Amino acid sequence: MAPLNVLMVGTGEYTTGFVGGGMSGSDKKVGVVGLTLFDLRRRGKVGKLSMVGTSGEKYPAIREHLQKNISSVYNNLDVSFDSFPSDTTTRDTVSYKTAINALSFGDAITIFTPDTTHYPIALYAIERGIHVLITKPAVKLLSEHQQLLRAGRKHNVFVFIEHHKRFDPAYADARARAKTLGNFNYFYSYMSQPKFQLETFKAWAGKESDISYYLNSHHVDICESMVPDYKPVKVTASGSKGTAEDLGCVPGTEDTISLLVEWVNRDEPARRATAVYTASWTAPQKAGVHSNQYFHYLASDGEIRVDQAKRGYDVADDSQGQLMWYNPFYMKYTPDEEGNFNGQTGYGYISFEKFVDAVTAFKEGRVTLDELDKRGLPTLKNTIATTAILEAGRRSLDERRGVEILVGENGVWDLR
């Protein structure tokens, strides 16, 4: 079978590393999506690549950026792609339809766009027999998540949510060990990014989405995947404000959001657990890490603590003016001894390769959608509780009350 053709929807930081007319100032200076797919094409797993955004006028600068910072660095790695809309188009918010229509049945797309656009783009692709990878959060609304799940089954396509922390080696090991530690009792997590990221996200921060959707989605998903015998039943959220507004975000934008979630054992309702998920995008500029990220899991027969911010690897660099803790376990950007990209073992890369391999196996008839769900991959079916919690958290903040999560006998989830 020919390699999988992939359309990249979204041309921003995560796809290309190109932000505001130049290279991103974050840890994704050359992006993740594009670089990973260019390398998967070099390895023969991916075929034709294309990219679509809302402004075609960016493409000449994006191509120059990719040529200089990827191709010239990694042995002239092929960074070519077809682009939509044309280079002379100032703005076209539905250009994704033209780009998807140019695909063939059974091709795939990746979606790295603002949260509110995930649903219409994914649904349009699914209805045309296109396999879909969506950045987290999958969607903002529980109703949309369930609609995509139904549509995916109806049209027999694979939909994968890019929860890359599932493939972080420490987190993956912790998820496996949690199954041997008895009943779930308590979970606490924290994840942050420095304030300068708000400059990148200013167009949508506090308007179309919030820091809980953006960062809490990582650890909520990890917790959901660790405790399949439990379901969330109530969410109460709290948020702090002020700093994001001072930095130019719209009034009401939360700096930090905490979700207090009650979990109940599906078979023994008397067994309950508590989880607190906290996320912030107003962390210090000079914290030495791009993202603090850690969690504590407590069960009846043991506990797990994982700190994935400072991993025993620090670099003193005069140009940085401080000590830095890097994370090559996510994306390793240094070339190998032959000059090729050498980040195939990074969990940011592995996440995409899992999707490509799953779609290929499905198209070849070697696996079914049900079997892919059973593998514990972050599919729509395996991430529904995460969407329920995130939307309940947003409702709790807006309505200043606790929000209940219900699951009917028919398996349909709802919020009250």
Protein backbone atom coordinates (compact mmCIF):
# COMPACT_ATOMS: atom_id res chain seq x y z
CA MET A 1 0.00 0.00 0.00
CA ALA A 2 1.23 3.51 -0.81
CA PRO A 3 2.37 5.71 2.08
CA LEU A 4 -0.29 7.80 3.82
CA ASN A 5 -0.93 11.28 2.37
CA VAL A 6 -1.39 13.91 5.08
CA LEU A 7 -2.79 17.43 5.12
CA MET A 8 -1.60 19.68 7.96
CA VAL A 9 -4.41 22.04 9.01
CA GLY A 10 -2.93 25.07 10.77
CA THR A 11 0.39 26.75 9.95
CA GLY A 12 1.34 28.16 13.35
CA GLU A 13 3.82 27.42 16.11
CA TYR A 14 3.12 23.72 16.62
CA THR A 15 3.08 22.93 12.90
CA THR A 16 5.94 25.08 11.59
CA GLY A 17 7.51 26.97 14.50
CA PHE A 18 6.69 30.18 12.61
CA VAL A 19 4.97 32.84 14.72
CA GLY A 20 4.47 36.56 14.16
CA GLY A 21 6.71 36.75 11.11
CA GLY A 22 9.60 34.70 12.46
CA MET A 23 10.84 31.75 14.50
CA SER A 24 8.93 31.01 17.70
CA GLY A 25 10.55 31.98 20.99
CA SER A 26 9.25 28.83 22.68
CA ASP A 27 10.78 25.36 22.83
CA LYS A 28 9.13 24.63 19.44
CA LYS A 29 11.38 26.87 17.33
CA VAL A 30 11.04 24.63 14.26
CA GLY A 31 7.65 23.20 15.17
CA VAL A 32 6.63 19.61 15.74
CA VAL A 33 4.01 18.56 13.18
CA GLY A 34 5.80 19.60 10.00
CA LEU A 35 9.25 18.37 11.07
CA THR A 36 7.86 15.02 12.23
CA LEU A 37 5.91 14.45 9.00
CA PHE A 38 8.85 15.52 6.82
CA ASP A 39 10.96 12.90 8.60
CA LEU A 40 8.23 10.25 8.40
CA ARG A 41 8.17 10.93 4.65
CA ARG A 42 11.95 10.42 4.54
CA ARG A 43 11.39 7.08 6.29
CA GLY A 44 8.72 6.04 3.78
CA LYS A 45 5.75 6.07 6.17
CA VAL A 46 4.16 9.24 4.76
CA GLY A 47 3.63 10.21 1.13
CA LYS A 48 2.34 13.50 -0.24
CA LEU A 49 2.15 16.39 2.25
CA SER A 50 0.05 19.54 2.12
CA MET A 51 -0.68 22.44 4.44
CA VAL A 52 -3.60 24.82 4.86
CA GLY A 53 -4.02 28.02 6.86
CA THR A 54 -6.22 31.08 6.70
CA SER A 55 -3.59 33.33 5.07
CA GLY A 56 -1.63 32.32 1.99
CA GLU A 57 0.59 35.38 2.19
CA LYS A 58 2.61 33.70 4.97
CA TYR A 59 3.80 30.80 2.82
CA PRO A 60 6.89 32.38 1.22
CA ALA A 61 8.23 33.26 4.70
CA ILE A 62 7.23 29.86 6.11
CA ARG A 63 9.04 28.06 3.28
CA GLU A 64 12.14 30.18 3.83
CA HIS A 65 11.98 29.41 7.56
CA LEU A 66 11.63 25.66 6.96
CA GLN A 67 14.42 25.63 4.37
CA LYS A 68 16.82 27.52 6.63
CA ASN A 69 16.02 25.90 9.96
CA ILE A 70 15.06 22.34 8.96
CA SER A 71 16.30 21.39 5.50
CA SER A 72 19.70 23.06 5.87
CA VAL A 73 20.14 21.56 9.34
CA TYR A 74 19.09 17.98 8.59
CA ASN A 75 20.88 16.82 5.42
CA ASN A 76 18.63 18.72 3.00
CA LEU A 77 15.51 17.07 4.40
CA ASP A 78 12.67 17.53 1.92
CA VAL A 79 10.36 20.22 3.35
CA SER A 80 8.17 20.63 0.26
CA PHE A 81 4.38 20.68 0.54
CA ASP A 82 1.32 21.80 -1.42
CA SER A 83 -0.28 24.85 0.16
CA PHE A 84 -3.79 26.29 0.51
CA PRO A 85 -4.90 29.01 -0.06
CA SER A 86 -2.69 30.57 -2.74
CA ASP A 87 0.29 32.72 -1.74
CA THR A 88 -1.60 35.83 -2.84
CA THR A 89 -4.69 35.20 -0.67
CA THR A 90 -4.88 37.55 2.31
CA ARG A 91 -7.51 35.62 4.25
CA ASP A 92 -9.77 32.63 3.64
CA THR A 93 -11.26 31.08 6.76
CA VAL A 94 -12.77 28.09 4.93
CA SER A 95 -9.74 27.20 2.82
CA TYR A 96 -9.57 23.95 4.80
CA LYS A 97 -12.54 22.72 2.76
CA THR A 98 -10.69 23.23 -0.51
CA ALA A 99 -7.61 21.49 0.91
CA ILE A 100 -9.61 18.51 2.25
CA ASN A 101 -11.49 18.21 -1.04
CA ALA A 102 -8.12 17.83 -2.76
CA LEU A 103 -7.40 14.67 -0.71
CA SER A 104 -8.37 11.14 -1.65
CA PHE A 105 -10.60 8.81 0.38
CA GLY A 106 -8.50 7.25 3.15
CA ASP A 107 -5.95 10.09 3.39
CA ALA A 108 -5.43 11.88 6.71
CA ILE A 109 -5.29 15.33 8.27
CA THR A 110 -3.77 16.85 11.40
CA ILE A 111 -5.62 19.72 13.09
CA PHE A 112 -3.62 22.32 15.03
CA THR A 113 -5.89 25.33 15.04
CA PRO A 114 -7.82 27.31 17.70
CA ASP A 115 -10.03 25.08 19.85
CA THR A 116 -13.35 26.38 18.50
CA THR A 117 -12.41 25.33 14.94
CA HIS A 118 -11.59 21.67 15.72
CA TYR A 119 -15.16 20.43 15.45
CA PRO A 120 -16.19 21.82 12.03
CA ILE A 121 -12.84 20.91 10.44
CA ALA A 122 -12.82 17.38 11.88
CA LEU A 123 -16.47 16.74 10.95
CA TYR A 124 -15.92 17.96 7.38
CA ALA A 125 -12.99 15.55 7.00
CA ILE A 126 -14.72 12.59 8.67
CA GLU A 127 -17.76 12.90 6.42
CA ARG A 128 -15.43 12.56 3.42
CA GLY A 129 -13.70 9.43 4.64
CA ILE A 130 -10.55 11.19 5.87
CA HIS A 131 -8.74 9.96 9.01
CA VAL A 132 -8.15 12.68 11.61
CA LEU A 133 -5.60 13.61 14.25
CA ILE A 134 -6.74 16.50 16.49
CA THR A 135 -4.58 18.41 18.94
CA LYS A 136 -5.84 18.45 22.51
CA PRO A 137 -8.38 19.39 23.60
CA ALA A 138 -10.33 17.42 21.00
CA VAL A 139 -13.20 19.89 21.16
CA LYS A 140 -14.59 22.29 23.76
CA LEU A 141 -18.05 20.76 24.11
CA LEU A 142 -19.06 17.30 25.25
CA SER A 143 -21.88 17.27 22.69
CA GLU A 144 -19.40 17.88 19.87
CA HIS A 145 -17.09 15.12 21.12
CA GLN A 146 -19.93 12.61 21.05
CA GLN A 147 -21.08 13.79 17.62
CA LEU A 148 -17.57 13.27 16.22
CA LEU A 149 -17.47 9.82 17.83
CA ARG A 150 -20.74 8.86 16.12
CA ALA A 151 -19.63 10.34 12.81
CA GLY A 152 -16.30 8.52 12.94
CA ARG A 153 -18.03 5.18 13.37
CA LYS A 154 -20.61 5.97 10.71
CA HIS A 155 -17.95 6.80 8.12
CA ASN A 156 -15.49 4.16 9.36
CA VAL A 157 -12.54 6.48 9.96
CA PHE A 158 -9.95 6.63 12.73
CA VAL A 159 -9.90 9.75 14.94
CA PHE A 160 -6.91 10.20 17.27
CA ILE A 161 -6.42 12.94 19.87
CA GLU A 162 -2.81 14.10 20.10
CA HIS A 163 -2.35 13.54 23.85
CA HIS A 164 1.42 13.10 23.56
CA LYS A 165 1.99 12.85 27.33
CA ARG A 166 0.63 9.29 27.12
CA PHE A 167 3.88 8.44 25.33
CA ASP A 168 6.23 10.23 27.72
CA PRO A 169 8.26 7.25 29.03
CA ALA A 170 7.87 8.21 32.70
CA TYR A 171 4.16 8.92 32.36
CA ALA A 172 3.61 5.74 30.33
CA ASP A 173 5.39 3.68 32.97
CA ALA A 174 3.38 5.36 35.73
CA ARG A 175 0.12 4.61 33.92
CA ALA A 176 1.04 0.92 33.79
CA ARG A 177 2.20 0.75 37.42
CA ALA A 178 -0.97 2.50 38.66
CA LYS A 179 -2.95 -0.61 37.73
CA THR A 180 -1.08 -2.60 40.42
CA LEU A 181 -1.50 -0.09 43.24
CA GLY A 182 -5.11 -0.70 44.23
CA ASN A 183 -8.00 1.73 44.27
CA PHE A 184 -7.65 5.31 43.07
CA ASN A 185 -7.73 7.81 45.95
CA TYR A 186 -6.14 11.15 45.00
CA PHE A 187 -4.47 12.88 42.03
CA TYR A 188 -2.80 16.30 41.89
CA SER A 189 -1.18 17.85 38.83
CA TYR A 190 0.37 21.15 37.79
CA MET A 191 1.40 22.39 34.36
CA SER A 192 2.51 25.86 33.33
CA GLN A 193 4.01 27.96 30.58
CA PRO A 194 5.78 31.35 30.80
CA LYS A 195 3.97 34.62 30.33
CA PHE A 196 5.49 35.34 26.91
CA GLN A 197 3.32 32.58 25.45
CA LEU A 198 0.33 34.88 25.91
CA GLU A 199 1.76 37.01 23.11
CA THR A 200 1.50 33.95 20.84
CA PHE A 201 -2.01 33.10 22.07
CA LYS A 202 -3.39 36.63 22.45
CA ALA A 203 -5.71 36.24 19.45
CA TRP A 204 -7.76 33.57 21.25
CA ALA A 205 -6.68 33.50 24.92
CA GLY A 206 -9.65 34.26 27.14
CA LYS A 207 -11.92 34.69 24.10
CA GLU A 208 -12.21 31.32 22.40
CA SER A 209 -10.54 29.12 25.01
CA ASP A 210 -8.67 29.12 28.32
CA ILE A 211 -5.58 27.73 30.03
CA SER A 212 -7.47 24.75 31.42
CA TYR A 213 -8.45 23.54 27.95
CA TYR A 214 -4.91 24.19 26.75
CA LEU A 215 -2.79 22.70 29.56
CA ASN A 216 -5.01 20.87 32.07
CA SER A 217 -6.04 18.66 29.15
CA HIS A 218 -2.66 16.91 29.42
CA HIS A 219 -3.02 15.68 32.99
CA VAL A 220 -6.78 15.16 32.93
CA ASP A 221 -6.20 12.72 30.08
CA ILE A 222 -3.33 11.01 31.92
CA CYS A 223 -5.52 10.56 34.98
CA GLU A 224 -8.46 9.29 32.91
CA SER A 225 -6.20 6.72 31.26
CA MET A 226 -4.81 5.60 34.63
CA VAL A 227 -8.18 4.90 36.24
CA PRO A 228 -10.47 3.18 33.67
CA ASP A 229 -12.57 1.71 36.50
CA TYR A 230 -13.57 5.21 37.65
CA LYS A 231 -15.73 7.93 36.15
CA PRO A 232 -15.87 11.69 36.97
CA VAL A 233 -19.13 12.84 38.54
CA LYS A 234 -18.64 16.46 39.59
CA VAL A 235 -16.34 19.38 38.75
CA THR A 236 -15.82 22.60 40.71
CA ALA A 237 -13.43 25.15 39.19
CA SER A 238 -11.59 28.19 40.47
CA GLY A 239 -9.53 30.73 38.56
CA SER A 240 -7.20 33.62 39.32
CA LYS A 241 -7.12 36.79 37.21
CA GLY A 242 -5.14 39.98 36.66
CA THR A 243 -1.78 39.16 35.11
CA ALA A 244 -3.10 38.07 31.71
CA GLU A 245 -5.20 41.23 31.53
CA ASP A 246 -2.12 43.32 32.36
CA LEU A 247 -0.38 41.66 29.41
CA GLY A 248 -3.13 42.72 26.99
CA CYS A 249 -5.56 39.80 27.09
CA VAL A 250 -9.29 40.47 27.17
CA PRO A 251 -10.88 41.27 30.53
CA GLY A 252 -11.80 38.12 32.43
CA THR A 253 -8.96 35.98 31.05
CA GLU A 254 -7.88 33.60 33.80
CA ASP A 255 -4.17 33.38 34.69
CA THR A 256 -4.43 30.05 36.49
CA ILE A 257 -7.29 27.56 36.65
CA SER A 258 -7.77 24.69 39.11
CA LEU A 259 -10.33 21.93 38.64
CA LEU A 260 -11.53 19.96 41.66
CA VAL A 261 -12.97 16.71 40.32
CA GLU A 262 -14.83 13.96 42.16
CA TRP A 263 -14.40 10.43 40.76
CA VAL A 264 -16.50 7.34 41.54
CA ASN A 265 -15.74 3.67 41.00
CA ARG A 266 -18.02 2.36 38.24
CA ASP A 267 -18.75 -0.95 40.00
CA GLU A 268 -18.46 0.15 43.65
CA PRO A 269 -19.95 3.67 43.97
CA ALA A 270 -18.94 3.85 47.64
CA ARG A 271 -15.33 4.08 46.50
CA ARG A 272 -14.62 7.71 45.65
CA ALA A 273 -11.51 9.68 44.71
CA THR A 274 -10.51 13.33 44.47
CA ALA A 275 -8.38 15.02 41.82
CA VAL A 276 -7.06 18.57 41.47
CA TYR A 277 -5.72 19.69 38.09
CA THR A 278 -4.03 23.12 37.93
CA ALA A 279 -2.72 24.96 34.87
CA SER A 280 -1.21 28.43 34.41
CA TRP A 281 0.15 30.49 31.53
CA THR A 282 1.51 33.27 33.73
CA ALA A 283 4.57 31.46 35.07
CA PRO A 284 7.87 33.42 35.38
CA GLN A 285 9.78 34.24 32.21
CA LYS A 286 13.05 32.95 33.68
CA ALA A 287 11.91 29.75 35.35
CA GLY A 288 14.56 27.74 33.46
CA VAL A 289 11.92 25.47 31.89
CA HIS A 290 9.35 26.15 29.21
CA SER A 291 6.81 24.03 31.06
CA ASN A 292 6.67 22.91 34.66
CA GLN A 293 4.79 19.61 34.67
CA TYR A 294 4.33 17.11 37.45
CA PHE A 295 1.74 14.99 39.22
CA HIS A 296 1.13 12.95 42.35
CA TYR A 297 -1.06 9.83 42.24
CA LEU A 298 -2.21 8.18 45.47
CA ALA A 299 -3.92 4.78 45.60
CA SER A 300 -4.90 2.33 48.32
CA ASP A 301 -1.66 0.33 48.01
CA GLY A 302 0.90 2.89 46.90
CA GLU A 303 1.62 6.24 45.28
CA ILE A 304 3.46 7.69 42.29
CA ARG A 305 5.18 11.05 41.91
CA VAL A 306 6.46 12.26 38.54
CA ASP A 307 8.31 15.56 37.96
CA GLN A 308 8.92 16.08 34.26
CA ALA A 309 10.20 19.65 34.44
CA LYS A 310 13.73 19.13 35.80
CA ARG A 311 14.83 15.74 34.51
CA GLY A 312 18.39 15.67 35.83
CA TYR A 313 19.61 17.54 32.76
CA ASP A 314 20.57 21.21 33.09
CA VAL A 315 22.61 23.53 30.87
CA ALA A 316 24.37 26.75 31.91
CA ASP A 317 24.48 29.08 28.89
CA ASP A 318 25.73 32.67 29.13
CA SER A 319 23.52 33.67 26.20
CA GLN A 320 20.47 32.62 28.21
CA GLY A 321 21.65 34.37 31.35
CA GLN A 322 20.42 31.53 33.53
CA LEU A 323 20.41 27.80 34.13
CA MET A 324 18.14 25.94 31.68
CA TRP A 325 16.43 22.55 31.98
CA TYR A 326 15.75 21.14 28.52
CA ASN A 327 13.42 18.33 27.50
CA PRO A 328 14.91 16.21 24.68
CA PHE A 329 12.50 13.44 25.69
CA TYR A 330 9.71 15.45 24.02
CA MET A 331 11.45 16.57 20.82
CA LYS A 332 15.19 16.01 20.28
CA TYR A 333 16.29 18.58 17.73
CA THR A 334 20.02 17.79 17.53
CA PRO A 335 21.02 15.80 14.39
CA ASP A 336 22.45 12.27 14.46
CA GLU A 337 26.00 11.37 13.46
CA GLU A 338 25.01 11.38 9.77
CA GLY A 339 23.33 14.78 10.00
CA ASN A 340 19.74 13.50 9.86
CA PHE A 341 16.95 14.43 12.21
CA ASN A 342 17.34 12.24 15.30
CA GLY A 343 14.16 12.81 17.31
CA GLN A 344 12.29 9.61 16.51
CA THR A 345 12.31 8.54 20.17
CA GLY A 346 10.74 11.77 21.44
CA TYR A 347 7.20 11.36 22.69
CA GLY A 348 6.12 14.36 20.60
CA TYR A 349 7.25 12.44 17.51
CA ILE A 350 5.99 9.04 18.68
CA SER A 351 2.46 10.42 19.03
CA PHE A 352 2.28 11.18 15.29
CA GLU A 353 3.95 7.91 14.30
CA LYS A 354 1.37 5.99 16.37
CA PHE A 355 -1.39 7.73 14.41
CA VAL A 356 0.23 7.06 11.02
CA ASP A 357 0.90 3.41 11.90
CA ALA A 358 -2.66 2.92 13.18
CA VAL A 359 -4.24 4.41 10.04
CA THR A 360 -1.98 2.32 7.81
CA ALA A 361 -2.81 -0.89 9.71
CA PHE A 362 -6.53 -0.05 9.59
CA LYS A 363 -6.47 0.63 5.84
CA GLU A 364 -4.62 -2.64 5.25
CA GLY A 365 -7.24 -4.54 7.25
CA ARG A 366 -4.85 -5.61 9.99
CA VAL A 367 -6.83 -3.93 12.80
CA THR A 368 -10.35 -2.65 13.49
CA LEU A 369 -11.52 0.58 15.12
CA ASP A 370 -12.65 -1.42 18.17
CA GLU A 371 -9.23 -3.01 18.47
CA LEU A 372 -7.54 0.39 18.27
CA ASP A 373 -9.78 1.61 21.12
CA LYS A 374 -8.78 -1.43 23.21
CA ARG A 375 -5.09 -0.63 22.76
CA GLY A 376 -5.49 2.36 25.05
CA LEU A 377 -4.65 4.90 22.37
CA PRO A 378 -6.11 8.42 22.87
CA THR A 379 -9.07 7.85 20.55
CA LEU A 380 -12.36 9.75 20.79
CA LYS A 381 -13.87 6.89 22.79
CA ASN A 382 -10.95 6.83 25.23
CA THR A 383 -10.92 10.58 25.89
CA ILE A 384 -14.58 11.42 26.43
CA ALA A 385 -14.21 11.90 30.20
CA THR A 386 -11.47 14.47 29.57
CA THR A 387 -13.76 16.58 27.40
CA ALA A 388 -16.55 16.24 29.98
CA ILE A 389 -14.26 17.49 32.75
CA LEU A 390 -12.86 20.39 30.74
CA GLU A 391 -16.28 21.66 29.65
CA ALA A 392 -17.67 21.19 33.16
CA GLY A 393 -14.74 23.25 34.46
CA ARG A 394 -15.52 26.08 32.05
CA ARG A 395 -19.21 25.99 33.01
CA SER A 396 -18.29 25.98 36.69
CA LEU A 397 -16.21 29.13 36.25
CA ASP A 398 -18.86 30.90 34.20
CA GLU A 399 -21.82 29.89 36.37
CA ARG A 400 -19.98 29.92 39.74
CA ARG A 401 -21.21 26.47 40.78
CA GLY A 402 -20.30 22.82 40.77
CA VAL A 403 -21.25 20.94 37.60
CA GLU A 404 -22.34 17.29 37.63
CA ILE A 405 -21.31 14.76 34.98
CA LEU A 406 -23.88 12.08 34.15
CA VAL A 407 -23.61 8.95 32.04
CA GLY A 408 -26.93 7.47 30.90
CA GLU A 409 -27.73 3.79 30.46
CA ASN A 410 -27.39 4.34 26.73
CA GLY A 411 -23.79 5.48 27.26
CA VAL A 412 -24.53 9.11 26.43
CA TRP A 413 -22.69 11.64 28.63
CA ASP A 414 -24.30 14.87 29.86
CA LEU A 415 -23.59 17.84 32.14
CA ARG A 416 -26.01 19.26 34.71
